[in-house]
Amino acid sequence: MDIILLNTSDLPIYQQIKDQIIEQIMKGQLLEGEQLPSIRSLAKELKISVITTKRAYEELEKEGYIDTVVGKGSFVSLRNKKILKQKQLEMIQNKLKLIVSDSKKYDITLEQLIEMIEMFYKED
């Protein structure tokens, strides 16, 4: 499992860890049932606090990406990827609803909004 932390990122470290693990799960780089490094070993490897790693794992579990078995460790959830993908799509849809609502408030046209989305989408 490869995790790269950026000190220059606006995202907190736990969020960077969480996002990268989700990405690896969704891309099939981490397989269903695969064991993740222990909280302590990942913290040591990344040279960060155990508390930070614990928070990332807790959020991953809460969102259904991993399952933790007491005394055995954390594993990529056996839940269906389609369900997780649907959950992600719903989250994006809710964010887009807010963006569209704000855009209308500030008289931003659909064309301007689409242009901004395309610009941001092409940045990475």
N, C-alpha and C. Protein backbone atom coordinates (compact mmCIF):
# COMPACT_ATOMS: atom_id res chain seq x y z
N MET A 1 0.85 -1.17 0.00
CA MET A 1 0.00 0.00 0.00
C MET A 1 0.90 1.24 0.00
N ASP A 2 0.70 2.08 -1.00
CA ASP A 2 1.50 3.30 -1.11
C ASP A 2 0.67 4.50 -0.70
N ILE A 3 1.21 5.25 0.25
CA ILE A 3 0.56 6.48 0.69
C ILE A 3 1.61 7.58 0.68
N ILE A 4 1.28 8.66 0.00
CA ILE A 4 2.20 9.79 -0.08
C ILE A 4 1.53 10.98 0.59
N LEU A 5 2.16 11.48 1.64
CA LEU A 5 1.62 12.62 2.38
C LEU A 5 2.28 13.90 1.89
N LEU A 6 1.46 14.91 1.69
CA LEU A 6 1.97 16.21 1.24
C LEU A 6 1.75 17.24 2.34
N ASN A 7 2.83 17.77 2.84
CA ASN A 7 2.73 18.81 3.87
C ASN A 7 2.17 20.10 3.30
N THR A 8 2.25 20.25 1.98
CA THR A 8 1.77 21.47 1.34
C THR A 8 0.27 21.41 1.05
N SER A 9 -0.35 20.24 1.25
CA SER A 9 -1.78 20.08 0.98
C SER A 9 -2.62 20.81 2.02
N ASP A 10 -3.77 21.29 1.58
CA ASP A 10 -4.73 21.91 2.50
C ASP A 10 -5.47 20.85 3.32
N LEU A 11 -5.44 19.60 2.84
CA LEU A 11 -6.14 18.52 3.53
C LEU A 11 -5.36 18.05 4.75
N PRO A 12 -6.07 17.74 5.84
CA PRO A 12 -5.39 17.18 7.01
C PRO A 12 -4.77 15.82 6.64
N ILE A 13 -3.77 15.41 7.39
CA ILE A 13 -3.06 14.17 7.08
C ILE A 13 -3.99 12.97 7.11
N TYR A 14 -4.89 12.89 8.12
CA TYR A 14 -5.79 11.73 8.18
C TYR A 14 -6.66 11.65 6.93
N GLN A 15 -7.05 12.82 6.39
CA GLN A 15 -7.89 12.85 5.19
C GLN A 15 -7.09 12.38 3.96
N GLN A 16 -5.82 12.77 3.90
CA GLN A 16 -4.97 12.32 2.80
C GLN A 16 -4.84 10.80 2.81
N ILE A 17 -4.64 10.23 4.00
CA ILE A 17 -4.53 8.78 4.14
C ILE A 17 -5.84 8.12 3.71
N LYS A 18 -6.93 8.62 4.23
CA LYS A 18 -8.26 8.07 3.94
C LYS A 18 -8.54 8.12 2.43
N ASP A 19 -8.31 9.27 1.82
CA ASP A 19 -8.60 9.43 0.39
C ASP A 19 -7.76 8.48 -0.46
N GLN A 20 -6.50 8.31 -0.11
CA GLN A 20 -5.63 7.44 -0.90
C GLN A 20 -6.00 5.97 -0.73
N ILE A 21 -6.43 5.57 0.46
CA ILE A 21 -6.87 4.19 0.66
C ILE A 21 -8.16 3.95 -0.12
N ILE A 22 -9.09 4.89 -0.08
CA ILE A 22 -10.34 4.75 -0.85
C ILE A 22 -10.02 4.61 -2.34
N GLU A 23 -9.13 5.46 -2.83
CA GLU A 23 -8.76 5.41 -4.24
C GLU A 23 -8.18 4.05 -4.61
N GLN A 24 -7.32 3.51 -3.75
CA GLN A 24 -6.70 2.21 -4.02
C GLN A 24 -7.74 1.09 -3.97
N ILE A 25 -8.72 1.20 -3.10
CA ILE A 25 -9.79 0.20 -3.04
C ILE A 25 -10.63 0.26 -4.31
N MET A 26 -11.03 1.47 -4.70
CA MET A 26 -11.91 1.63 -5.86
C MET A 26 -11.22 1.23 -7.17
N LYS A 27 -9.90 1.40 -7.22
CA LYS A 27 -9.15 1.02 -8.43
C LYS A 27 -8.74 -0.45 -8.43
N GLY A 28 -9.04 -1.16 -7.34
CA GLY A 28 -8.70 -2.58 -7.27
C GLY A 28 -7.25 -2.84 -6.87
N GLN A 29 -6.55 -1.81 -6.42
CA GLN A 29 -5.17 -2.01 -5.97
C GLN A 29 -5.13 -2.64 -4.58
N LEU A 30 -6.18 -2.40 -3.81
CA LEU A 30 -6.39 -3.10 -2.53
C LEU A 30 -7.63 -3.96 -2.73
N LEU A 31 -7.49 -5.24 -2.55
CA LEU A 31 -8.57 -6.18 -2.86
C LEU A 31 -9.45 -6.46 -1.65
N GLU A 32 -10.69 -6.86 -1.93
CA GLU A 32 -11.62 -7.21 -0.86
C GLU A 32 -11.01 -8.29 0.02
N GLY A 33 -11.07 -8.08 1.33
CA GLY A 33 -10.54 -9.04 2.28
C GLY A 33 -9.06 -8.86 2.58
N GLU A 34 -8.39 -8.01 1.83
CA GLU A 34 -6.95 -7.79 2.05
C GLU A 34 -6.71 -7.04 3.36
N GLN A 35 -5.71 -7.50 4.10
CA GLN A 35 -5.41 -6.87 5.38
C GLN A 35 -4.59 -5.60 5.17
N LEU A 36 -4.97 -4.56 5.90
CA LEU A 36 -4.23 -3.30 5.87
C LEU A 36 -3.14 -3.36 6.95
N PRO A 37 -2.13 -2.50 6.81
CA PRO A 37 -1.12 -2.45 7.87
C PRO A 37 -1.79 -2.05 9.19
N SER A 38 -1.22 -2.47 10.29
CA SER A 38 -1.78 -2.07 11.59
C SER A 38 -1.66 -0.56 11.73
N ILE A 39 -2.48 -0.01 12.60
CA ILE A 39 -2.45 1.43 12.84
C ILE A 39 -1.05 1.88 13.26
N ARG A 40 -0.46 1.12 14.16
CA ARG A 40 0.89 1.48 14.66
C ARG A 40 1.94 1.39 13.56
N SER A 41 1.91 0.32 12.78
CA SER A 41 2.95 0.16 11.76
C SER A 41 2.81 1.21 10.65
N LEU A 42 1.57 1.55 10.29
CA LEU A 42 1.38 2.59 9.28
C LEU A 42 1.85 3.94 9.81
N ALA A 43 1.53 4.22 11.07
CA ALA A 43 1.97 5.49 11.68
C ALA A 43 3.50 5.56 11.69
N LYS A 44 4.13 4.45 12.03
CA LYS A 44 5.60 4.41 12.07
C LYS A 44 6.18 4.60 10.68
N GLU A 45 5.60 3.91 9.71
CA GLU A 45 6.07 3.99 8.32
C GLU A 45 5.95 5.42 7.77
N LEU A 46 4.83 6.08 8.09
CA LEU A 46 4.58 7.44 7.58
C LEU A 46 5.18 8.52 8.48
N LYS A 47 5.72 8.09 9.63
CA LYS A 47 6.31 9.02 10.60
C LYS A 47 5.29 10.06 11.08
N ILE A 48 4.12 9.53 11.48
CA ILE A 48 3.04 10.39 11.98
C ILE A 48 2.50 9.79 13.27
N SER A 49 1.60 10.51 13.89
CA SER A 49 0.98 10.07 15.13
C SER A 49 0.05 8.88 14.92
N VAL A 50 0.03 7.98 15.89
CA VAL A 50 -0.91 6.86 15.87
C VAL A 50 -2.34 7.38 15.87
N ILE A 51 -2.57 8.48 16.55
CA ILE A 51 -3.92 9.07 16.63
C ILE A 51 -4.41 9.47 15.24
N THR A 52 -3.51 10.01 14.43
CA THR A 52 -3.87 10.43 13.06
C THR A 52 -4.27 9.22 12.22
N THR A 53 -3.47 8.17 12.30
CA THR A 53 -3.77 6.95 11.54
C THR A 53 -5.06 6.32 12.03
N LYS A 54 -5.26 6.32 13.35
CA LYS A 54 -6.48 5.75 13.94
C LYS A 54 -7.72 6.48 13.43
N ARG A 55 -7.62 7.80 13.33
CA ARG A 55 -8.77 8.57 12.83
C ARG A 55 -9.09 8.21 11.38
N ALA A 56 -8.06 8.06 10.56
CA ALA A 56 -8.29 7.68 9.15
C ALA A 56 -8.98 6.32 9.08
N TYR A 57 -8.49 5.35 9.84
CA TYR A 57 -9.07 4.01 9.84
C TYR A 57 -10.51 4.04 10.36
N GLU A 58 -10.76 4.82 11.41
CA GLU A 58 -12.12 4.90 11.97
C GLU A 58 -13.10 5.46 10.94
N GLU A 59 -12.68 6.48 10.21
CA GLU A 59 -13.56 7.06 9.19
C GLU A 59 -13.78 6.09 8.03
N LEU A 60 -12.73 5.38 7.64
CA LEU A 60 -12.87 4.37 6.58
C LEU A 60 -13.86 3.29 6.99
N GLU A 61 -13.80 2.90 8.26
CA GLU A 61 -14.72 1.87 8.74
C GLU A 61 -16.15 2.41 8.79
N LYS A 62 -16.30 3.64 9.28
CA LYS A 62 -17.62 4.25 9.39
C LYS A 62 -18.28 4.37 8.01
N GLU A 63 -17.47 4.62 6.98
CA GLU A 63 -18.00 4.79 5.63
C GLU A 63 -18.11 3.47 4.87
N GLY A 64 -17.70 2.38 5.50
CA GLY A 64 -17.91 1.06 4.89
C GLY A 64 -16.79 0.55 4.01
N TYR A 65 -15.64 1.20 4.01
CA TYR A 65 -14.54 0.77 3.15
C TYR A 65 -13.69 -0.33 3.78
N ILE A 66 -13.60 -0.33 5.10
CA ILE A 66 -12.82 -1.36 5.79
C ILE A 66 -13.63 -1.91 6.96
N ASP A 67 -13.24 -3.10 7.40
CA ASP A 67 -13.81 -3.73 8.59
C ASP A 67 -12.65 -4.02 9.53
N THR A 68 -12.87 -3.77 10.82
CA THR A 68 -11.84 -4.04 11.81
C THR A 68 -12.29 -5.19 12.69
N VAL A 69 -11.42 -6.16 12.86
CA VAL A 69 -11.68 -7.32 13.71
C VAL A 69 -10.73 -7.21 14.90
N VAL A 70 -11.31 -7.13 16.09
CA VAL A 70 -10.50 -6.99 17.31
C VAL A 70 -9.50 -8.13 17.39
N GLY A 71 -8.25 -7.78 17.60
CA GLY A 71 -7.19 -8.77 17.75
C GLY A 71 -6.62 -9.28 16.44
N LYS A 72 -7.26 -8.93 15.31
CA LYS A 72 -6.78 -9.42 14.02
C LYS A 72 -6.35 -8.30 13.09
N GLY A 73 -7.00 -7.15 13.18
CA GLY A 73 -6.61 -6.03 12.34
C GLY A 73 -7.73 -5.49 11.49
N SER A 74 -7.35 -4.68 10.50
CA SER A 74 -8.32 -4.04 9.60
C SER A 74 -8.17 -4.63 8.20
N PHE A 75 -9.32 -4.84 7.56
CA PHE A 75 -9.35 -5.49 6.26
C PHE A 75 -10.24 -4.69 5.31
N VAL A 76 -9.91 -4.75 4.01
CA VAL A 76 -10.76 -4.13 3.01
C VAL A 76 -12.11 -4.84 3.09
N SER A 77 -13.17 -4.05 3.15
CA SER A 77 -14.51 -4.58 3.32
C SER A 77 -14.90 -5.51 2.18
N LEU A 78 -15.69 -6.50 2.52
CA LEU A 78 -16.19 -7.44 1.51
C LEU A 78 -17.49 -6.93 0.87
N ARG A 79 -17.88 -5.73 1.26
CA ARG A 79 -19.11 -5.16 0.71
C ARG A 79 -18.93 -4.90 -0.78
N ASN A 80 -20.02 -4.86 -1.47
CA ASN A 80 -20.01 -4.68 -2.91
C ASN A 80 -19.48 -3.29 -3.30
N LYS A 81 -18.53 -3.26 -4.23
CA LYS A 81 -17.97 -1.98 -4.70
C LYS A 81 -19.03 -1.10 -5.35
N LYS A 82 -20.03 -1.72 -5.96
CA LYS A 82 -21.09 -0.94 -6.61
C LYS A 82 -21.84 -0.10 -5.58
N ILE A 83 -22.05 -0.66 -4.40
CA ILE A 83 -22.74 0.08 -3.34
C ILE A 83 -21.89 1.26 -2.90
N LEU A 84 -20.58 1.04 -2.73
CA LEU A 84 -19.68 2.12 -2.34
C LEU A 84 -19.63 3.20 -3.42
N LYS A 85 -19.59 2.79 -4.68
CA LYS A 85 -19.55 3.74 -5.80
C LYS A 85 -20.84 4.57 -5.82
N GLN A 86 -21.97 3.93 -5.58
CA GLN A 86 -23.26 4.64 -5.55
C GLN A 86 -23.26 5.67 -4.43
N LYS A 87 -22.69 5.31 -3.29
CA LYS A 87 -22.61 6.22 -2.16
C LYS A 87 -21.77 7.45 -2.53
N GLN A 88 -20.66 7.21 -3.23
CA GLN A 88 -19.80 8.32 -3.67
C GLN A 88 -20.55 9.23 -4.65
N LEU A 89 -21.28 8.62 -5.57
CA LEU A 89 -22.04 9.41 -6.55
C LEU A 89 -23.09 10.28 -5.86
N GLU A 90 -23.76 9.73 -4.87
CA GLU A 90 -24.77 10.49 -4.12
C GLU A 90 -24.13 11.68 -3.40
N MET A 91 -22.95 11.47 -2.85
CA MET A 91 -22.24 12.54 -2.17
C MET A 91 -21.88 13.67 -3.15
N ILE A 92 -21.40 13.29 -4.34
CA ILE A 92 -21.05 14.28 -5.36
C ILE A 92 -22.31 15.02 -5.84
N GLN A 93 -23.40 14.29 -6.00
CA GLN A 93 -24.65 14.92 -6.43
C GLN A 93 -25.11 15.96 -5.43
N ASN A 94 -25.00 15.65 -4.14
CA ASN A 94 -25.41 16.61 -3.11
C ASN A 94 -24.54 17.86 -3.15
N LYS A 95 -23.24 17.68 -3.36
CA LYS A 95 -22.33 18.82 -3.46
C LYS A 95 -22.66 19.66 -4.69
N LEU A 96 -22.97 18.98 -5.79
CA LEU A 96 -23.30 19.70 -7.03
C LEU A 96 -24.60 20.50 -6.87
N LYS A 97 -25.56 19.95 -6.14
CA LYS A 97 -26.81 20.68 -5.90
C LYS A 97 -26.53 22.00 -5.19
N LEU A 98 -25.64 21.96 -4.20
CA LEU A 98 -25.26 23.19 -3.49
C LEU A 98 -24.55 24.17 -4.41
N ILE A 99 -23.67 23.66 -5.24
CA ILE A 99 -22.93 24.51 -6.18
C ILE A 99 -23.88 25.16 -7.17
N VAL A 100 -24.82 24.39 -7.70
CA VAL A 100 -25.79 24.93 -8.66
C VAL A 100 -26.65 25.99 -7.98
N SER A 101 -27.08 25.72 -6.76
CA SER A 101 -27.88 26.68 -6.01
C SER A 101 -27.12 27.99 -5.81
N ASP A 102 -25.85 27.88 -5.37
CA ASP A 102 -25.03 29.08 -5.19
C ASP A 102 -24.79 29.80 -6.51
N SER A 103 -24.58 29.05 -7.57
CA SER A 103 -24.35 29.65 -8.89
C SER A 103 -25.54 30.49 -9.33
N LYS A 104 -26.73 29.98 -9.08
CA LYS A 104 -27.94 30.72 -9.44
C LYS A 104 -28.04 32.00 -8.62
N LYS A 105 -27.68 31.92 -7.34
CA LYS A 105 -27.72 33.11 -6.47
C LYS A 105 -26.81 34.22 -6.99
N TYR A 106 -25.67 33.82 -7.54
CA TYR A 106 -24.67 34.79 -7.99
C TYR A 106 -24.73 35.04 -9.50
N ASP A 107 -25.85 34.64 -10.11
CA ASP A 107 -26.07 34.86 -11.55
C ASP A 107 -24.97 34.28 -12.43
N ILE A 108 -24.47 33.13 -12.05
CA ILE A 108 -23.50 32.43 -12.89
C ILE A 108 -24.30 31.52 -13.82
N THR A 109 -24.03 31.65 -15.11
CA THR A 109 -24.80 30.88 -16.08
C THR A 109 -24.36 29.42 -16.09
N LEU A 110 -25.21 28.58 -16.66
CA LEU A 110 -24.90 27.17 -16.79
C LEU A 110 -23.63 26.99 -17.61
N GLU A 111 -23.49 27.78 -18.66
CA GLU A 111 -22.30 27.69 -19.51
C GLU A 111 -21.03 28.04 -18.72
N GLN A 112 -21.11 29.08 -17.89
CA GLN A 112 -19.95 29.46 -17.07
C GLN A 112 -19.61 28.36 -16.07
N LEU A 113 -20.65 27.78 -15.49
CA LEU A 113 -20.45 26.72 -14.51
C LEU A 113 -19.81 25.49 -15.18
N ILE A 114 -20.31 25.12 -16.32
CA ILE A 114 -19.76 23.98 -17.06
C ILE A 114 -18.30 24.25 -17.43
N GLU A 115 -18.02 25.47 -17.84
CA GLU A 115 -16.65 25.85 -18.20
C GLU A 115 -15.71 25.71 -16.99
N MET A 116 -16.18 26.14 -15.81
CA MET A 116 -15.37 26.02 -14.59
C MET A 116 -15.14 24.55 -14.24
N ILE A 117 -16.20 23.75 -14.34
CA ILE A 117 -16.08 22.33 -14.02
C ILE A 117 -15.08 21.67 -14.96
N GLU A 118 -15.19 21.97 -16.24
CA GLU A 118 -14.25 21.39 -17.21
C GLU A 118 -12.81 21.80 -16.91
N MET A 119 -12.62 23.06 -16.52
CA MET A 119 -11.29 23.56 -16.20
C MET A 119 -10.71 22.80 -14.99
N PHE A 120 -11.52 22.65 -13.94
CA PHE A 120 -11.05 21.96 -12.74
C PHE A 120 -10.83 20.47 -13.02
N TYR A 121 -11.69 19.90 -13.85
CA TYR A 121 -11.59 18.47 -14.15
C TYR A 121 -10.30 18.16 -14.91
N LYS A 122 -9.87 19.09 -15.74
CA LYS A 122 -8.66 18.89 -16.55
C LYS A 122 -7.37 19.22 -15.82
N GLU A 123 -7.45 19.85 -14.64
CA GLU A 123 -6.27 20.25 -13.88
C GLU A 123 -5.39 19.07 -13.49
N ASP A 124 -5.97 17.97 -13.10
CA ASP A 124 -5.17 16.83 -12.63
C ASP A 124 -4.76 16.03 -13.77
